[in-house]
Amino acid sequence: KCNQDLPLGKRSFLCNDCAAKLKEEQEKKRIAAIVERREEFVAEWWPPSRYIESTFEKFDNKLQLKAFELTSAVENTGKGILMIGPPGVGKTHLAAAIFHKYYQLWKPETELHPMARFIRENDLFKRLRASFRPGATETEEGILEDYAYHTGIIILDDWCKYEPADSKFRNRIYFDLLDSIYNL
C-alpha cells in the first residue's frame, strides 16, 4: 500500500503516481534554489547598474579597435588582462562585456558559482576595512578566499583608485589575492 501521507523518511513504498509527484516536487525545489542563487549572484557579483547592458555588440569599437579585439577574444586561460587608459575610453564597458560573456556560460545545475565575478576596487577595500571592526563577521583571509576560490575569472574595476594611508597594505592585498588565485 502507498504510504504517501507519512513524512518522507518514514515512507517505505510509494506508488508510481506518488513517486512521480515527489520527484516533481523535488525538481521544483531544486530549480527554486537555483533561481534564488542566481538572484544572490546578480545582486553581489554583477557590474555597477550603469553597465548591466554592456556587451561587446554595444561597444563602439571604432575608437578602441585593438582593445575590443583583445577582450572579445578573451578565453579563460589563467592569464590576466590589464586595461589602462584615460576615463571614458570604454575599459569598464569591455570588462562588463567579459563578465556577461562568462556569466552566460554558467550552468547553475552543475556549477556552484558563476565563472566570472565583477569587483570594484573600492568595494573590495570597503569590505576589507569592515573586517577589522569589532564584532566583524568576516576576516581578511576569508574575504580574499571568497574572491579567489569562488569564481574562474575576477574582473577588478578601477584598479589603484583606492588610496590607502599605507600603499603597502593595498599591494599586499593584491599579492595575496593573486597568490591565492594562482596557488603560488
N, C-alpha and C. Protein backbone atom coordinates (compact mmCIF):
# COMPACT_ATOMS: atom_id res chain seq x y z
N LYS A 1 0.84 -1.18 0.00
CA LYS A 1 0.00 0.00 0.00
C LYS A 1 0.89 1.25 0.00
N CYS A 2 0.52 2.24 -0.75
CA CYS A 2 1.25 3.51 -0.83
C CYS A 2 1.07 4.26 0.48
N ASN A 3 2.16 4.71 1.07
CA ASN A 3 2.04 5.45 2.32
C ASN A 3 2.54 6.90 2.13
N GLN A 4 1.92 7.58 1.18
CA GLN A 4 2.28 8.94 0.80
C GLN A 4 2.07 9.97 1.91
N ASP A 5 1.20 9.67 2.87
CA ASP A 5 0.89 10.65 3.91
C ASP A 5 1.94 10.67 5.03
N LEU A 6 2.83 9.71 5.04
CA LEU A 6 3.88 9.68 6.06
C LEU A 6 4.98 10.67 5.69
N PRO A 7 5.75 11.14 6.70
CA PRO A 7 6.90 12.00 6.40
C PRO A 7 7.87 11.28 5.47
N LEU A 8 8.63 12.04 4.70
CA LEU A 8 9.50 11.49 3.66
C LEU A 8 10.40 10.36 4.17
N GLY A 9 11.01 10.51 5.33
CA GLY A 9 11.91 9.49 5.85
C GLY A 9 11.22 8.23 6.33
N LYS A 10 9.94 8.30 6.55
CA LYS A 10 9.19 7.14 7.08
C LYS A 10 8.49 6.34 5.99
N ARG A 11 8.56 6.81 4.76
CA ARG A 11 7.86 6.11 3.67
C ARG A 11 8.65 4.87 3.27
N SER A 12 7.95 3.78 3.14
CA SER A 12 8.60 2.56 2.71
C SER A 12 8.21 2.19 1.28
N PHE A 13 7.08 2.71 0.84
CA PHE A 13 6.63 2.39 -0.52
C PHE A 13 5.79 3.54 -1.06
N LEU A 14 6.03 3.89 -2.30
CA LEU A 14 5.20 4.89 -2.99
C LEU A 14 4.74 4.28 -4.32
N CYS A 15 3.50 4.51 -4.61
CA CYS A 15 3.01 4.07 -5.92
C CYS A 15 3.67 4.95 -6.99
N ASN A 16 3.55 4.57 -8.24
CA ASN A 16 4.19 5.30 -9.33
C ASN A 16 3.73 6.76 -9.40
N ASP A 17 2.44 6.99 -9.19
CA ASP A 17 1.92 8.37 -9.23
C ASP A 17 2.53 9.23 -8.13
N CYS A 18 2.58 8.69 -6.91
CA CYS A 18 3.13 9.45 -5.78
C CYS A 18 4.63 9.66 -5.95
N ALA A 19 5.32 8.64 -6.45
CA ALA A 19 6.76 8.77 -6.69
C ALA A 19 7.02 9.85 -7.74
N ALA A 20 6.20 9.92 -8.77
CA ALA A 20 6.35 10.95 -9.81
C ALA A 20 6.09 12.34 -9.23
N LYS A 21 5.05 12.44 -8.38
CA LYS A 21 4.74 13.73 -7.74
C LYS A 21 5.91 14.17 -6.85
N LEU A 22 6.44 13.23 -6.07
CA LEU A 22 7.56 13.55 -5.19
C LEU A 22 8.77 14.02 -6.01
N LYS A 23 9.05 13.33 -7.09
CA LYS A 23 10.18 13.71 -7.95
C LYS A 23 9.95 15.10 -8.53
N GLU A 24 8.73 15.39 -8.93
CA GLU A 24 8.38 16.71 -9.47
C GLU A 24 8.56 17.80 -8.42
N GLU A 25 8.13 17.53 -7.19
CA GLU A 25 8.30 18.50 -6.09
C GLU A 25 9.78 18.76 -5.82
N GLN A 26 10.56 17.71 -5.81
CA GLN A 26 12.00 17.86 -5.56
C GLN A 26 12.66 18.69 -6.68
N GLU A 27 12.25 18.46 -7.90
CA GLU A 27 12.81 19.22 -9.03
C GLU A 27 12.42 20.70 -8.94
N LYS A 28 11.17 20.97 -8.52
CA LYS A 28 10.75 22.36 -8.35
C LYS A 28 11.58 23.05 -7.27
N LYS A 29 11.85 22.35 -6.18
CA LYS A 29 12.67 22.92 -5.11
C LYS A 29 14.09 23.17 -5.60
N ARG A 30 14.62 22.24 -6.37
CA ARG A 30 15.98 22.40 -6.90
C ARG A 30 16.06 23.62 -7.81
N ILE A 31 15.09 23.79 -8.68
CA ILE A 31 15.07 24.93 -9.60
C ILE A 31 14.87 26.23 -8.82
N ALA A 32 14.02 26.22 -7.82
CA ALA A 32 13.81 27.41 -6.99
C ALA A 32 15.11 27.81 -6.29
N ALA A 33 15.87 26.83 -5.83
CA ALA A 33 17.16 27.12 -5.18
C ALA A 33 18.14 27.73 -6.19
N ILE A 34 18.13 27.24 -7.42
CA ILE A 34 18.99 27.79 -8.46
C ILE A 34 18.60 29.24 -8.75
N VAL A 35 17.31 29.49 -8.88
CA VAL A 35 16.83 30.85 -9.16
C VAL A 35 17.22 31.77 -8.01
N GLU A 36 17.05 31.30 -6.78
CA GLU A 36 17.42 32.11 -5.62
C GLU A 36 18.92 32.39 -5.62
N ARG A 37 19.71 31.39 -5.95
CA ARG A 37 21.16 31.56 -6.00
C ARG A 37 21.54 32.54 -7.10
N ARG A 38 20.89 32.46 -8.25
CA ARG A 38 21.16 33.41 -9.34
C ARG A 38 20.89 34.84 -8.88
N GLU A 39 19.76 35.03 -8.17
CA GLU A 39 19.42 36.37 -7.69
C GLU A 39 20.48 36.89 -6.72
N GLU A 40 20.99 35.99 -5.89
CA GLU A 40 22.05 36.36 -4.95
C GLU A 40 23.29 36.84 -5.72
N PHE A 41 23.67 36.11 -6.75
CA PHE A 41 24.85 36.49 -7.53
C PHE A 41 24.61 37.75 -8.33
N VAL A 42 23.41 37.91 -8.85
CA VAL A 42 23.10 39.13 -9.60
C VAL A 42 23.30 40.34 -8.70
N ALA A 43 22.87 40.25 -7.46
CA ALA A 43 22.98 41.38 -6.55
C ALA A 43 24.42 41.65 -6.14
N GLU A 44 25.22 40.60 -5.99
CA GLU A 44 26.55 40.76 -5.41
C GLU A 44 27.69 40.73 -6.41
N TRP A 45 27.56 40.03 -7.51
CA TRP A 45 28.70 39.78 -8.37
C TRP A 45 28.67 40.56 -9.68
N TRP A 46 27.61 41.30 -9.95
CA TRP A 46 27.46 41.96 -11.24
C TRP A 46 28.15 43.32 -11.28
N PRO A 47 28.40 43.80 -12.48
CA PRO A 47 28.95 45.16 -12.64
C PRO A 47 27.96 46.20 -12.12
N PRO A 48 28.43 47.44 -11.92
CA PRO A 48 27.51 48.51 -11.49
C PRO A 48 26.33 48.62 -12.45
N SER A 49 25.21 49.11 -11.94
CA SER A 49 23.97 49.11 -12.71
C SER A 49 24.09 49.80 -14.07
N ARG A 50 24.91 50.83 -14.18
CA ARG A 50 25.01 51.51 -15.48
C ARG A 50 25.69 50.65 -16.54
N TYR A 51 26.31 49.53 -16.11
CA TYR A 51 26.98 48.63 -17.06
C TYR A 51 26.25 47.30 -17.23
N ILE A 52 25.04 47.21 -16.72
CA ILE A 52 24.28 45.97 -16.81
C ILE A 52 24.06 45.55 -18.26
N GLU A 53 23.88 46.51 -19.12
CA GLU A 53 23.60 46.21 -20.53
C GLU A 53 24.86 46.22 -21.40
N SER A 54 26.03 46.33 -20.80
CA SER A 54 27.27 46.42 -21.57
C SER A 54 27.63 45.06 -22.18
N THR A 55 27.71 45.04 -23.49
CA THR A 55 28.10 43.83 -24.21
C THR A 55 29.10 44.22 -25.29
N PHE A 56 29.71 43.22 -25.89
CA PHE A 56 30.63 43.51 -27.00
C PHE A 56 29.87 44.11 -28.19
N GLU A 57 28.64 43.66 -28.38
CA GLU A 57 27.83 44.17 -29.50
C GLU A 57 27.51 45.65 -29.35
N LYS A 58 27.42 46.12 -28.11
CA LYS A 58 27.05 47.52 -27.87
C LYS A 58 28.27 48.43 -27.72
N PHE A 59 29.47 47.89 -27.87
CA PHE A 59 30.69 48.68 -27.72
C PHE A 59 31.04 49.33 -29.06
N ASP A 60 31.37 50.63 -29.02
CA ASP A 60 31.77 51.35 -30.23
C ASP A 60 33.23 51.03 -30.49
N ASN A 61 33.47 49.98 -31.27
CA ASN A 61 34.84 49.51 -31.46
C ASN A 61 35.65 50.35 -32.44
N LYS A 62 35.06 51.37 -33.01
CA LYS A 62 35.82 52.23 -33.92
C LYS A 62 36.87 53.03 -33.16
N LEU A 63 36.58 53.38 -31.91
CA LEU A 63 37.50 54.20 -31.13
C LEU A 63 38.63 53.37 -30.52
N GLN A 64 38.32 52.16 -30.11
CA GLN A 64 39.30 51.32 -29.43
C GLN A 64 39.29 49.92 -30.05
N LEU A 65 39.60 49.83 -31.33
CA LEU A 65 39.51 48.56 -32.06
C LEU A 65 40.41 47.48 -31.46
N LYS A 66 41.65 47.80 -31.15
CA LYS A 66 42.58 46.80 -30.62
C LYS A 66 42.10 46.26 -29.26
N ALA A 67 41.65 47.16 -28.38
CA ALA A 67 41.13 46.74 -27.08
C ALA A 67 39.91 45.84 -27.26
N PHE A 68 39.04 46.21 -28.20
CA PHE A 68 37.85 45.41 -28.48
C PHE A 68 38.25 44.01 -28.96
N GLU A 69 39.19 43.95 -29.90
CA GLU A 69 39.61 42.66 -30.45
C GLU A 69 40.22 41.76 -29.38
N LEU A 70 41.06 42.33 -28.53
CA LEU A 70 41.71 41.53 -27.49
C LEU A 70 40.73 41.03 -26.45
N THR A 71 39.81 41.87 -26.03
CA THR A 71 38.88 41.46 -24.96
C THR A 71 37.77 40.57 -25.47
N SER A 72 37.30 40.80 -26.68
CA SER A 72 36.19 39.97 -27.18
C SER A 72 36.66 38.55 -27.48
N ALA A 73 37.96 38.37 -27.68
CA ALA A 73 38.50 37.04 -27.95
C ALA A 73 39.07 36.39 -26.69
N VAL A 74 38.87 37.01 -25.53
CA VAL A 74 39.46 36.50 -24.29
C VAL A 74 38.93 35.11 -23.97
N GLU A 75 39.84 34.27 -23.51
CA GLU A 75 39.49 32.92 -23.08
C GLU A 75 39.97 32.78 -21.64
N ASN A 76 39.38 31.87 -20.91
CA ASN A 76 39.81 31.64 -19.53
C ASN A 76 41.05 30.77 -19.55
N THR A 77 42.19 31.42 -19.78
CA THR A 77 43.46 30.70 -19.91
C THR A 77 44.30 30.79 -18.66
N GLY A 78 43.82 31.50 -17.65
CA GLY A 78 44.62 31.70 -16.46
C GLY A 78 45.51 32.91 -16.55
N LYS A 79 45.42 33.61 -17.65
CA LYS A 79 46.19 34.84 -17.81
C LYS A 79 45.26 36.02 -17.58
N GLY A 80 45.83 37.14 -17.26
CA GLY A 80 45.03 38.32 -17.00
C GLY A 80 45.11 39.33 -18.11
N ILE A 81 44.22 40.29 -18.04
CA ILE A 81 44.23 41.43 -18.95
C ILE A 81 44.25 42.67 -18.08
N LEU A 82 45.15 43.58 -18.38
CA LEU A 82 45.20 44.85 -17.68
C LEU A 82 44.89 45.93 -18.70
N MET A 83 43.78 46.62 -18.49
CA MET A 83 43.39 47.71 -19.39
C MET A 83 43.70 49.04 -18.72
N ILE A 84 44.52 49.82 -19.38
CA ILE A 84 44.93 51.12 -18.86
C ILE A 84 44.55 52.18 -19.88
N GLY A 85 44.00 53.26 -19.41
CA GLY A 85 43.64 54.36 -20.30
C GLY A 85 42.92 55.45 -19.55
N PRO A 86 42.73 56.57 -20.19
CA PRO A 86 42.04 57.68 -19.54
C PRO A 86 40.56 57.36 -19.34
N PRO A 87 39.89 58.11 -18.49
CA PRO A 87 38.45 57.89 -18.28
C PRO A 87 37.68 58.05 -19.59
N GLY A 88 36.66 57.22 -19.74
CA GLY A 88 35.74 57.37 -20.86
C GLY A 88 36.09 56.65 -22.13
N VAL A 89 37.14 55.81 -22.12
CA VAL A 89 37.51 55.12 -23.36
C VAL A 89 36.86 53.74 -23.49
N GLY A 90 36.19 53.27 -22.42
CA GLY A 90 35.44 52.01 -22.52
C GLY A 90 36.03 50.84 -21.76
N LYS A 91 36.96 51.08 -20.85
CA LYS A 91 37.57 49.98 -20.10
C LYS A 91 36.53 49.21 -19.29
N THR A 92 35.70 49.93 -18.56
CA THR A 92 34.69 49.25 -17.72
C THR A 92 33.63 48.59 -18.59
N HIS A 93 33.27 49.22 -19.71
CA HIS A 93 32.30 48.62 -20.63
C HIS A 93 32.83 47.26 -21.11
N LEU A 94 34.10 47.23 -21.53
CA LEU A 94 34.67 45.96 -22.01
C LEU A 94 34.79 44.94 -20.88
N ALA A 95 35.15 45.40 -19.69
CA ALA A 95 35.22 44.49 -18.55
C ALA A 95 33.85 43.89 -18.25
N ALA A 96 32.82 44.72 -18.30
CA ALA A 96 31.45 44.23 -18.08
C ALA A 96 31.03 43.27 -19.20
N ALA A 97 31.46 43.53 -20.41
CA ALA A 97 31.15 42.64 -21.52
C ALA A 97 31.79 41.26 -21.31
N ILE A 98 33.03 41.25 -20.82
CA ILE A 98 33.69 39.98 -20.49
C ILE A 98 32.88 39.26 -19.41
N PHE A 99 32.48 40.00 -18.39
CA PHE A 99 31.67 39.40 -17.32
C PHE A 99 30.42 38.74 -17.89
N HIS A 100 29.68 39.49 -18.72
CA HIS A 100 28.43 38.96 -19.28
C HIS A 100 28.68 37.72 -20.14
N LYS A 101 29.76 37.75 -20.89
CA LYS A 101 30.10 36.59 -21.74
C LYS A 101 30.24 35.34 -20.88
N TYR A 102 30.96 35.44 -19.78
CA TYR A 102 31.20 34.28 -18.93
C TYR A 102 30.02 33.96 -18.03
N TYR A 103 29.27 34.96 -17.63
CA TYR A 103 28.09 34.70 -16.81
C TYR A 103 27.07 33.88 -17.60
N GLN A 104 26.97 34.16 -18.89
CA GLN A 104 26.01 33.41 -19.72
C GLN A 104 26.42 31.95 -19.89
N LEU A 105 27.69 31.65 -19.69
CA LEU A 105 28.16 30.27 -19.81
C LEU A 105 27.92 29.46 -18.53
N TRP A 106 27.51 30.14 -17.45
CA TRP A 106 27.32 29.46 -16.17
C TRP A 106 26.18 28.46 -16.26
N LYS A 107 26.44 27.26 -15.78
CA LYS A 107 25.43 26.21 -15.71
C LYS A 107 25.14 25.96 -14.23
N PRO A 108 24.15 26.67 -13.66
CA PRO A 108 23.92 26.54 -12.22
C PRO A 108 23.48 25.15 -11.79
N GLU A 109 23.05 24.34 -12.74
CA GLU A 109 22.64 22.98 -12.39
C GLU A 109 23.85 22.15 -11.97
N THR A 110 25.03 22.48 -12.52
CA THR A 110 26.21 21.67 -12.23
C THR A 110 27.33 22.45 -11.55
N GLU A 111 27.33 23.77 -11.66
CA GLU A 111 28.41 24.58 -11.09
C GLU A 111 27.84 25.47 -9.99
N LEU A 112 28.50 25.47 -8.84
CA LEU A 112 28.00 26.23 -7.71
C LEU A 112 28.07 27.73 -7.95
N HIS A 113 29.16 28.21 -8.54
CA HIS A 113 29.36 29.65 -8.71
C HIS A 113 29.49 30.01 -10.18
N PRO A 114 29.12 31.24 -10.53
CA PRO A 114 29.32 31.70 -11.91
C PRO A 114 30.81 31.72 -12.25
N MET A 115 31.12 31.76 -13.53
CA MET A 115 32.50 31.74 -13.97
C MET A 115 33.20 33.09 -13.78
N ALA A 116 32.44 34.17 -13.67
CA ALA A 116 33.05 35.49 -13.58
C ALA A 116 32.47 36.26 -12.40
N ARG A 117 33.29 37.13 -11.87
CA ARG A 117 32.86 37.99 -10.76
C ARG A 117 33.43 39.37 -10.99
N PHE A 118 32.58 40.37 -10.91
CA PHE A 118 32.95 41.75 -11.15
C PHE A 118 33.10 42.45 -9.81
N ILE A 119 34.27 43.02 -9.55
CA ILE A 119 34.53 43.68 -8.27
C ILE A 119 35.08 45.07 -8.54
N ARG A 120 34.52 46.05 -7.89
CA ARG A 120 35.11 47.40 -7.92
C ARG A 120 36.12 47.47 -6.79
N GLU A 121 37.28 48.01 -7.08
CA GLU A 121 38.34 48.06 -6.07
C GLU A 121 37.85 48.70 -4.77
N ASN A 122 37.10 49.77 -4.88
CA ASN A 122 36.61 50.45 -3.69
C ASN A 122 35.73 49.53 -2.84
N ASP A 123 34.90 48.70 -3.48
CA ASP A 123 34.06 47.76 -2.74
C ASP A 123 34.89 46.70 -2.04
N LEU A 124 35.94 46.23 -2.70
CA LEU A 124 36.84 45.25 -2.09
C LEU A 124 37.45 45.82 -0.81
N PHE A 125 37.97 47.05 -0.88
CA PHE A 125 38.63 47.61 0.29
C PHE A 125 37.63 48.04 1.37
N LYS A 126 36.41 48.41 0.99
CA LYS A 126 35.37 48.67 2.00
C LYS A 126 35.09 47.41 2.80
N ARG A 127 34.95 46.31 2.08
CA ARG A 127 34.68 45.03 2.72
C ARG A 127 35.85 44.63 3.62
N LEU A 128 37.07 44.83 3.15
CA LEU A 128 38.25 44.51 3.96
C LEU A 128 38.32 45.39 5.22
N ARG A 129 38.07 46.69 5.05
CA ARG A 129 38.10 47.59 6.21
C ARG A 129 37.07 47.17 7.25
N ALA A 130 35.90 46.77 6.80
CA ALA A 130 34.84 46.35 7.73
C ALA A 130 35.25 45.11 8.51
N SER A 131 36.13 44.28 7.95
CA SER A 131 36.54 43.06 8.65
C SER A 131 37.41 43.34 9.87
N PHE A 132 37.94 44.56 9.98
CA PHE A 132 38.78 44.91 11.12
C PHE A 132 37.97 45.53 12.27
N ARG A 133 36.70 45.79 12.06
CA ARG A 133 35.87 46.39 13.11
C ARG A 133 35.55 45.36 14.19
N PRO A 134 35.39 45.82 15.42
CA PRO A 134 34.99 44.89 16.49
C PRO A 134 33.65 44.23 16.14
N GLY A 135 33.59 42.93 16.34
CA GLY A 135 32.35 42.19 16.07
C GLY A 135 32.15 41.84 14.61
N ALA A 136 33.16 42.07 13.77
CA ALA A 136 33.03 41.76 12.34
C ALA A 136 32.83 40.26 12.15
N THR A 137 32.00 39.92 11.18
CA THR A 137 31.72 38.50 10.92
C THR A 137 32.64 37.92 9.86
N GLU A 138 33.39 38.78 9.17
CA GLU A 138 34.31 38.31 8.14
C GLU A 138 35.75 38.63 8.54
N THR A 139 36.66 37.84 7.99
CA THR A 139 38.08 38.11 8.19
C THR A 139 38.70 38.47 6.86
N GLU A 140 39.86 39.12 6.90
CA GLU A 140 40.57 39.45 5.66
C GLU A 140 40.84 38.19 4.84
N GLU A 141 41.31 37.15 5.51
CA GLU A 141 41.62 35.90 4.81
C GLU A 141 40.38 35.30 4.18
N GLY A 142 39.26 35.34 4.90
CA GLY A 142 38.01 34.80 4.37
C GLY A 142 37.51 35.57 3.16
N ILE A 143 37.67 36.87 3.19
CA ILE A 143 37.24 37.71 2.06
C ILE A 143 38.07 37.39 0.83
N LEU A 144 39.39 37.33 0.99
CA LEU A 144 40.26 37.03 -0.15
C LEU A 144 40.00 35.62 -0.67
N GLU A 145 39.74 34.70 0.23
CA GLU A 145 39.42 33.34 -0.19
C GLU A 145 38.11 33.32 -0.98
N ASP A 146 37.14 34.09 -0.53
CA ASP A 146 35.85 34.18 -1.23
C ASP A 146 36.07 34.62 -2.67
N TYR A 147 36.90 35.63 -2.87
CA TYR A 147 37.16 36.11 -4.22
C TYR A 147 38.00 35.12 -5.03
N ALA A 148 38.98 34.51 -4.40
CA ALA A 148 39.92 33.67 -5.14
C ALA A 148 39.34 32.31 -5.54
N TYR A 149 38.52 31.73 -4.69
CA TYR A 149 38.11 30.35 -4.92
C TYR A 149 36.72 30.17 -5.46
N HIS A 150 35.93 31.20 -5.50
CA HIS A 150 34.53 31.01 -5.89
C HIS A 150 34.21 31.48 -7.29
N THR A 151 35.22 31.65 -8.11
CA THR A 151 34.96 32.04 -9.49
C THR A 151 36.18 31.77 -10.34
N GLY A 152 35.98 31.63 -11.62
CA GLY A 152 37.08 31.40 -12.54
C GLY A 152 37.76 32.68 -12.99
N ILE A 153 36.99 33.73 -13.14
CA ILE A 153 37.52 35.00 -13.65
C ILE A 153 37.11 36.13 -12.72
N ILE A 154 38.09 36.86 -12.24
CA ILE A 154 37.81 38.03 -11.41
C ILE A 154 38.07 39.26 -12.26
N ILE A 155 37.09 40.12 -12.33
CA ILE A 155 37.23 41.39 -13.04
C ILE A 155 37.31 42.47 -11.98
N LEU A 156 38.46 43.08 -11.86
CA LEU A 156 38.69 44.11 -10.85
C LEU A 156 38.69 45.46 -11.54
N ASP A 157 37.67 46.25 -11.28
CA ASP A 157 37.50 47.55 -11.93
C ASP A 157 38.06 48.66 -11.06
N ASP A 158 38.54 49.70 -11.70
CA ASP A 158 39.09 50.88 -11.03
C ASP A 158 40.30 50.52 -10.17
N TRP A 159 41.16 49.68 -10.71
CA TRP A 159 42.38 49.24 -10.06
C TRP A 159 43.23 50.46 -9.69
N CYS A 160 43.68 50.51 -8.46
CA CYS A 160 44.57 51.54 -7.92
C CYS A 160 43.94 52.92 -7.83
N LYS A 161 42.62 52.99 -7.80
CA LYS A 161 41.97 54.26 -7.49
C LYS A 161 41.90 54.47 -5.99
N TYR A 162 41.90 53.37 -5.27
CA TYR A 162 41.86 53.43 -3.81
C TYR A 162 43.22 53.90 -3.32
N GLU A 163 43.22 54.90 -2.48
CA GLU A 163 44.47 55.44 -1.93
C GLU A 163 44.51 55.21 -0.42
N PRO A 164 45.05 54.07 -0.01
CA PRO A 164 45.13 53.82 1.43
C PRO A 164 46.23 54.67 2.05
N ALA A 165 46.16 54.83 3.37
CA ALA A 165 47.21 55.57 4.08
C ALA A 165 48.55 54.86 3.89
N ASP A 166 48.49 53.54 3.77
CA ASP A 166 49.70 52.76 3.57
C ASP A 166 49.56 51.96 2.28
N SER A 167 50.27 52.36 1.24
CA SER A 167 50.15 51.67 -0.05
C SER A 167 50.67 50.23 0.04
N LYS A 168 51.49 49.94 1.05
CA LYS A 168 51.96 48.57 1.23
C LYS A 168 50.79 47.64 1.53
N PHE A 169 49.78 48.15 2.23
CA PHE A 169 48.59 47.34 2.54
C PHE A 169 47.89 46.95 1.23
N ARG A 170 47.65 47.94 0.36
CA ARG A 170 46.99 47.64 -0.92
C ARG A 170 47.81 46.63 -1.71
N ASN A 171 49.11 46.84 -1.80
CA ASN A 171 49.96 45.93 -2.56
C ASN A 171 49.92 44.52 -1.97
N ARG A 172 49.97 44.41 -0.64
CA ARG A 172 49.91 43.10 0.00
C ARG A 172 48.60 42.40 -0.31
N ILE A 173 47.50 43.14 -0.28
CA ILE A 173 46.19 42.54 -0.58
C ILE A 173 46.19 41.99 -2.00
N TYR A 174 46.69 42.77 -2.95
CA TYR A 174 46.71 42.29 -4.34
C TYR A 174 47.62 41.09 -4.50
N PHE A 175 48.79 41.11 -3.86
CA PHE A 175 49.68 39.95 -3.96
C PHE A 175 49.04 38.73 -3.32
N ASP A 176 48.40 38.90 -2.17
CA ASP A 176 47.72 37.77 -1.52
C ASP A 176 46.60 37.22 -2.40
N LEU A 177 45.83 38.12 -3.01
CA LEU A 177 44.74 37.69 -3.87
C LEU A 177 45.27 36.94 -5.09
N LEU A 178 46.28 37.49 -5.74
CA LEU A 178 46.85 36.83 -6.92
C LEU A 178 47.52 35.51 -6.54
N ASP A 179 48.21 35.48 -5.41
CA ASP A 179 48.82 34.23 -4.95
C ASP A 179 47.75 33.16 -4.73
N SER A 180 46.62 33.57 -4.15
CA SER A 180 45.52 32.61 -3.91
C SER A 180 44.94 32.10 -5.22
N ILE A 181 44.76 33.01 -6.16
CA ILE A 181 44.17 32.62 -7.44
C ILE A 181 45.07 31.64 -8.18
N TYR A 182 46.35 31.94 -8.20
CA TYR A 182 47.29 31.12 -8.96
C TYR A 182 48.00 30.08 -8.10
N ASN A 183 47.54 29.90 -6.85
CA ASN A 183 48.09 28.90 -5.93
C ASN A 183 49.59 29.00 -5.81
N LEU A 184 50.08 30.20 -5.64
CA LEU A 184 51.54 30.38 -5.52
C LEU A 184 51.99 30.24 -4.10
